[in-house]
Amino acid sequence: MGFMDKARSQLDNLANKADGALGGPGNDVERHYRDLGVLAYLEATGRPADAGERERVLGALRAMEQRGAIRSFALHTAQASVPPPPGSGGPSVPPAPGCRLYTSDAAHE
């Protein structure tokens, strides 16, 4: 993540905190996200979830998105992407030109 991405992320977090503290639109977005998450969790775990409530919440979120109230679709609990350690199956360096690689001793005979 570059410097500008980090700065933008921190700015979005600060704006969301300010909206929440002031009861602004960010707070309404977060409440609807939470409701949608609860409904999705109920469905995923085989419990009944009211289809009408799901459509109501989705409709409200769509309206908020259209008017620009949703600033970010970033997951707040996502794990950071970490590259694999060297030698753990990541991209390898190709052999030097003219260098022959052998996979077994039988190839040497």
N, C-alpha and C. Protein backbone atom coordinates (compact mmCIF):
# COMPACT_ATOMS: atom_id res chain seq x y z
N MET A 1 0.85 -1.17 0.00
CA MET A 1 0.00 0.00 0.00
C MET A 1 0.90 1.23 0.00
N GLY A 2 0.68 2.11 -0.94
CA GLY A 2 1.51 3.29 -1.07
C GLY A 2 1.12 4.37 -0.07
N PHE A 3 1.93 5.39 -0.03
CA PHE A 3 1.70 6.49 0.90
C PHE A 3 0.34 7.13 0.69
N MET A 4 -0.03 7.40 -0.55
CA MET A 4 -1.30 8.05 -0.83
C MET A 4 -2.48 7.15 -0.42
N ASP A 5 -2.35 5.84 -0.64
CA ASP A 5 -3.41 4.91 -0.23
C ASP A 5 -3.59 4.92 1.28
N LYS A 6 -2.46 4.94 2.00
CA LYS A 6 -2.53 4.98 3.46
C LYS A 6 -3.15 6.28 3.94
N ALA A 7 -2.75 7.37 3.31
CA ALA A 7 -3.29 8.68 3.70
C ALA A 7 -4.79 8.72 3.43
N ARG A 8 -5.21 8.19 2.29
CA ARG A 8 -6.64 8.16 1.95
C ARG A 8 -7.42 7.30 2.94
N SER A 9 -6.85 6.15 3.29
CA SER A 9 -7.49 5.25 4.24
C SER A 9 -7.66 5.93 5.60
N GLN A 10 -6.62 6.61 6.05
CA GLN A 10 -6.69 7.30 7.33
C GLN A 10 -7.70 8.44 7.28
N LEU A 11 -7.76 9.13 6.15
CA LEU A 11 -8.74 10.21 5.99
C LEU A 11 -10.16 9.65 6.03
N ASP A 12 -10.39 8.52 5.33
CA ASP A 12 -11.71 7.89 5.35
C ASP A 12 -12.09 7.45 6.76
N ASN A 13 -11.13 6.86 7.49
CA ASN A 13 -11.40 6.45 8.87
C ASN A 13 -11.76 7.64 9.75
N LEU A 14 -11.03 8.72 9.59
CA LEU A 14 -11.29 9.93 10.37
C LEU A 14 -12.67 10.50 10.03
N ALA A 15 -13.01 10.52 8.74
CA ALA A 15 -14.32 11.03 8.33
C ALA A 15 -15.44 10.16 8.89
N ASN A 16 -15.24 8.84 8.86
CA ASN A 16 -16.26 7.94 9.41
C ASN A 16 -16.43 8.13 10.91
N LYS A 17 -15.31 8.34 11.62
CA LYS A 17 -15.39 8.58 13.06
C LYS A 17 -16.12 9.89 13.34
N ALA A 18 -15.83 10.92 12.55
CA ALA A 18 -16.50 12.21 12.74
C ALA A 18 -17.99 12.08 12.45
N ASP A 19 -18.33 11.39 11.38
CA ASP A 19 -19.74 11.18 11.06
C ASP A 19 -20.45 10.43 12.18
N GLY A 20 -19.78 9.41 12.70
CA GLY A 20 -20.37 8.63 13.79
C GLY A 20 -20.57 9.47 15.04
N ALA A 21 -19.60 10.30 15.35
CA ALA A 21 -19.69 11.13 16.55
C ALA A 21 -20.77 12.19 16.40
N LEU A 22 -20.97 12.65 15.20
CA LEU A 22 -21.97 13.69 14.96
C LEU A 22 -23.31 13.12 14.53
N GLY A 23 -23.39 11.81 14.40
CA GLY A 23 -24.65 11.21 13.95
C GLY A 23 -24.89 11.44 12.47
N GLY A 24 -23.83 11.64 11.71
CA GLY A 24 -23.94 11.95 10.28
C GLY A 24 -24.24 10.74 9.42
N PRO A 25 -24.14 10.91 8.11
CA PRO A 25 -24.50 9.85 7.18
C PRO A 25 -23.65 8.60 7.31
N GLY A 26 -22.41 8.72 7.72
CA GLY A 26 -21.56 7.54 7.89
C GLY A 26 -22.12 6.60 8.94
N ASN A 27 -22.72 7.16 9.98
CA ASN A 27 -23.33 6.35 11.03
C ASN A 27 -24.50 5.55 10.47
N ASP A 28 -25.30 6.16 9.63
CA ASP A 28 -26.43 5.48 9.00
C ASP A 28 -25.94 4.37 8.08
N VAL A 29 -24.89 4.63 7.34
CA VAL A 29 -24.30 3.61 6.45
C VAL A 29 -23.83 2.42 7.28
N GLU A 30 -23.12 2.68 8.36
CA GLU A 30 -22.60 1.60 9.19
C GLU A 30 -23.72 0.78 9.81
N ARG A 31 -24.79 1.43 10.23
CA ARG A 31 -25.94 0.70 10.80
C ARG A 31 -26.56 -0.23 9.75
N HIS A 32 -26.68 0.25 8.53
CA HIS A 32 -27.25 -0.58 7.47
C HIS A 32 -26.30 -1.72 7.08
N TYR A 33 -24.99 -1.42 7.04
CA TYR A 33 -24.02 -2.49 6.79
C TYR A 33 -24.14 -3.57 7.85
N ARG A 34 -24.26 -3.16 9.10
CA ARG A 34 -24.37 -4.14 10.19
C ARG A 34 -25.63 -4.97 10.03
N ASP A 35 -26.75 -4.32 9.73
CA ASP A 35 -28.00 -5.07 9.53
C ASP A 35 -27.88 -6.06 8.38
N LEU A 36 -27.25 -5.63 7.30
CA LEU A 36 -27.06 -6.55 6.17
C LEU A 36 -26.16 -7.71 6.57
N GLY A 37 -25.14 -7.44 7.35
CA GLY A 37 -24.26 -8.50 7.84
C GLY A 37 -24.99 -9.49 8.72
N VAL A 38 -25.88 -8.99 9.58
CA VAL A 38 -26.66 -9.88 10.44
C VAL A 38 -27.56 -10.77 9.58
N LEU A 39 -28.23 -10.17 8.60
CA LEU A 39 -29.11 -10.95 7.72
C LEU A 39 -28.32 -11.99 6.93
N ALA A 40 -27.15 -11.60 6.42
CA ALA A 40 -26.32 -12.55 5.67
C ALA A 40 -25.83 -13.68 6.57
N TYR A 41 -25.47 -13.36 7.81
CA TYR A 41 -25.01 -14.39 8.74
C TYR A 41 -26.14 -15.37 9.06
N LEU A 42 -27.34 -14.84 9.28
CA LEU A 42 -28.48 -15.72 9.54
C LEU A 42 -28.71 -16.68 8.36
N GLU A 43 -28.66 -16.13 7.15
CA GLU A 43 -28.85 -16.97 5.96
C GLU A 43 -27.73 -18.00 5.83
N ALA A 44 -26.51 -17.59 6.07
CA ALA A 44 -25.35 -18.48 5.91
C ALA A 44 -25.36 -19.62 6.93
N THR A 45 -25.99 -19.38 8.06
CA THR A 45 -26.02 -20.41 9.11
C THR A 45 -27.33 -21.18 9.13
N GLY A 46 -28.14 -21.02 8.07
CA GLY A 46 -29.36 -21.79 7.95
C GLY A 46 -30.52 -21.33 8.81
N ARG A 47 -30.43 -20.12 9.32
CA ARG A 47 -31.53 -19.59 10.14
C ARG A 47 -32.41 -18.67 9.29
N PRO A 48 -33.64 -18.50 9.67
CA PRO A 48 -34.54 -17.67 8.87
C PRO A 48 -34.13 -16.19 8.94
N ALA A 49 -34.19 -15.55 7.79
CA ALA A 49 -33.92 -14.11 7.71
C ALA A 49 -35.05 -13.51 6.87
N ASP A 50 -35.59 -12.42 7.31
CA ASP A 50 -36.73 -11.78 6.64
C ASP A 50 -36.28 -11.20 5.30
N ALA A 51 -36.84 -11.73 4.20
CA ALA A 51 -36.48 -11.27 2.86
C ALA A 51 -36.86 -9.80 2.66
N GLY A 52 -37.97 -9.38 3.25
CA GLY A 52 -38.39 -7.99 3.14
C GLY A 52 -37.40 -7.04 3.80
N GLU A 53 -36.89 -7.45 4.96
CA GLU A 53 -35.88 -6.63 5.64
C GLU A 53 -34.60 -6.56 4.82
N ARG A 54 -34.24 -7.68 4.22
CA ARG A 54 -33.03 -7.71 3.38
C ARG A 54 -33.17 -6.72 2.22
N GLU A 55 -34.31 -6.72 1.56
CA GLU A 55 -34.54 -5.81 0.44
C GLU A 55 -34.59 -4.35 0.91
N ARG A 56 -35.17 -4.12 2.08
CA ARG A 56 -35.21 -2.76 2.63
C ARG A 56 -33.81 -2.23 2.89
N VAL A 57 -32.97 -3.07 3.52
CA VAL A 57 -31.60 -2.66 3.84
C VAL A 57 -30.80 -2.45 2.55
N LEU A 58 -30.92 -3.37 1.61
CA LEU A 58 -30.20 -3.23 0.33
C LEU A 58 -30.65 -1.97 -0.41
N GLY A 59 -31.95 -1.70 -0.41
CA GLY A 59 -32.46 -0.50 -1.06
C GLY A 59 -31.90 0.77 -0.44
N ALA A 60 -31.83 0.80 0.88
CA ALA A 60 -31.28 1.96 1.57
C ALA A 60 -29.80 2.14 1.24
N LEU A 61 -29.04 1.03 1.23
CA LEU A 61 -27.62 1.11 0.89
C LEU A 61 -27.41 1.56 -0.55
N ARG A 62 -28.24 1.07 -1.46
CA ARG A 62 -28.13 1.51 -2.87
C ARG A 62 -28.37 3.01 -2.98
N ALA A 63 -29.38 3.50 -2.27
CA ALA A 63 -29.67 4.94 -2.31
C ALA A 63 -28.52 5.75 -1.73
N MET A 64 -27.93 5.26 -0.63
CA MET A 64 -26.79 5.96 -0.03
C MET A 64 -25.59 5.97 -0.98
N GLU A 65 -25.38 4.85 -1.66
CA GLU A 65 -24.27 4.79 -2.62
C GLU A 65 -24.48 5.78 -3.75
N GLN A 66 -25.69 5.85 -4.28
CA GLN A 66 -25.98 6.76 -5.39
C GLN A 66 -25.76 8.22 -5.03
N ARG A 67 -26.02 8.57 -3.78
CA ARG A 67 -25.82 9.97 -3.40
C ARG A 67 -24.42 10.22 -2.84
N GLY A 68 -23.56 9.21 -2.89
CA GLY A 68 -22.16 9.38 -2.50
C GLY A 68 -21.89 9.28 -1.02
N ALA A 69 -22.83 8.74 -0.25
CA ALA A 69 -22.64 8.64 1.20
C ALA A 69 -21.71 7.51 1.60
N ILE A 70 -21.50 6.55 0.71
CA ILE A 70 -20.60 5.43 1.02
C ILE A 70 -19.24 5.78 0.43
N ARG A 71 -18.28 6.03 1.31
CA ARG A 71 -16.96 6.48 0.86
C ARG A 71 -16.02 5.33 0.51
N SER A 72 -16.23 4.18 1.13
CA SER A 72 -15.28 3.09 0.95
C SER A 72 -15.99 1.75 1.04
N PHE A 73 -15.51 0.81 0.25
CA PHE A 73 -16.01 -0.55 0.32
C PHE A 73 -14.94 -1.48 0.91
N ALA A 74 -13.96 -0.90 1.56
CA ALA A 74 -12.87 -1.68 2.16
C ALA A 74 -13.40 -2.47 3.36
N LEU A 75 -12.93 -3.70 3.49
CA LEU A 75 -13.28 -4.51 4.64
C LEU A 75 -12.46 -4.03 5.84
N HIS A 76 -13.10 -3.88 6.97
CA HIS A 76 -12.41 -3.39 8.17
C HIS A 76 -11.68 -4.50 8.91
N THR A 77 -12.08 -5.74 8.70
CA THR A 77 -11.47 -6.85 9.42
C THR A 77 -10.62 -7.72 8.53
N ALA A 78 -10.36 -7.29 7.29
CA ALA A 78 -9.56 -8.09 6.35
C ALA A 78 -8.12 -8.18 6.82
N GLN A 79 -7.51 -9.34 6.61
CA GLN A 79 -6.10 -9.51 6.95
C GLN A 79 -5.26 -8.84 5.87
N ALA A 80 -4.17 -8.26 6.30
CA ALA A 80 -3.26 -7.60 5.37
C ALA A 80 -2.63 -8.65 4.46
N SER A 81 -2.44 -8.28 3.23
CA SER A 81 -1.80 -9.17 2.27
C SER A 81 -0.30 -9.18 2.53
N VAL A 82 0.23 -10.33 2.87
CA VAL A 82 1.66 -10.46 3.16
C VAL A 82 2.26 -11.40 2.12
N PRO A 83 3.34 -10.98 1.47
CA PRO A 83 3.96 -11.87 0.49
C PRO A 83 4.54 -13.11 1.17
N PRO A 84 4.57 -14.24 0.46
CA PRO A 84 5.12 -15.46 1.06
C PRO A 84 6.61 -15.31 1.33
N PRO A 85 7.12 -15.98 2.36
CA PRO A 85 8.55 -15.91 2.65
C PRO A 85 9.35 -16.55 1.51
N PRO A 86 10.60 -16.15 1.34
CA PRO A 86 11.43 -16.72 0.28
C PRO A 86 11.52 -18.24 0.40
N GLY A 87 11.45 -18.90 -0.74
CA GLY A 87 11.58 -20.35 -0.77
C GLY A 87 10.33 -21.10 -0.39
N SER A 88 9.20 -20.41 -0.31
CA SER A 88 7.97 -21.10 0.10
C SER A 88 7.00 -21.29 -1.06
N GLY A 89 7.52 -21.44 -2.24
CA GLY A 89 6.65 -21.70 -3.37
C GLY A 89 6.29 -20.46 -4.17
N GLY A 90 6.87 -19.35 -3.83
CA GLY A 90 6.63 -18.13 -4.59
C GLY A 90 7.36 -18.20 -5.92
N PRO A 91 7.35 -17.12 -6.68
CA PRO A 91 8.06 -17.13 -7.96
C PRO A 91 9.54 -17.41 -7.75
N SER A 92 10.09 -18.23 -8.61
CA SER A 92 11.51 -18.57 -8.48
C SER A 92 12.30 -17.89 -9.58
N VAL A 93 13.60 -17.81 -9.37
CA VAL A 93 14.50 -17.21 -10.34
C VAL A 93 14.83 -18.27 -11.39
N PRO A 94 14.69 -17.95 -12.67
CA PRO A 94 15.02 -18.94 -13.70
C PRO A 94 16.52 -19.22 -13.73
N PRO A 95 16.92 -20.40 -14.23
CA PRO A 95 18.35 -20.71 -14.30
C PRO A 95 19.07 -19.80 -15.29
N ALA A 96 20.34 -19.65 -15.06
CA ALA A 96 21.16 -18.84 -15.96
C ALA A 96 21.21 -19.48 -17.34
N PRO A 97 21.34 -18.68 -18.41
CA PRO A 97 21.43 -19.26 -19.75
C PRO A 97 22.59 -20.26 -19.83
N GLY A 98 22.32 -21.41 -20.46
CA GLY A 98 23.33 -22.44 -20.62
C GLY A 98 23.46 -23.37 -19.44
N CYS A 99 22.78 -23.08 -18.34
CA CYS A 99 22.84 -23.93 -17.16
C CYS A 99 21.77 -25.01 -17.28
N ARG A 100 22.17 -26.26 -17.07
CA ARG A 100 21.21 -27.36 -17.17
C ARG A 100 20.84 -27.82 -15.77
N LEU A 101 19.57 -28.03 -15.55
CA LEU A 101 19.08 -28.50 -14.26
C LEU A 101 18.72 -29.96 -14.37
N TYR A 102 19.05 -30.75 -13.36
CA TYR A 102 18.75 -32.16 -13.32
C TYR A 102 17.78 -32.42 -12.18
N THR A 103 16.78 -33.26 -12.44
CA THR A 103 15.81 -33.56 -11.39
C THR A 103 16.12 -34.84 -10.65
N SER A 104 17.00 -35.69 -11.19
CA SER A 104 17.36 -36.92 -10.49
C SER A 104 18.78 -37.31 -10.91
N ASP A 105 19.35 -38.29 -10.17
CA ASP A 105 20.70 -38.76 -10.50
C ASP A 105 20.70 -39.50 -11.83
N ALA A 106 19.55 -40.09 -12.22
CA ALA A 106 19.47 -40.84 -13.48
C ALA A 106 19.76 -39.93 -14.67
N ALA A 107 19.47 -38.67 -14.53
CA ALA A 107 19.71 -37.74 -15.64
C ALA A 107 21.19 -37.51 -15.88
N HIS A 108 22.03 -37.78 -14.88
CA HIS A 108 23.47 -37.56 -15.01
C HIS A 108 24.15 -38.68 -15.80
N GLU A 109 23.49 -39.80 -15.94
CA GLU A 109 24.12 -40.95 -16.58
C GLU A 109 24.05 -40.90 -18.06
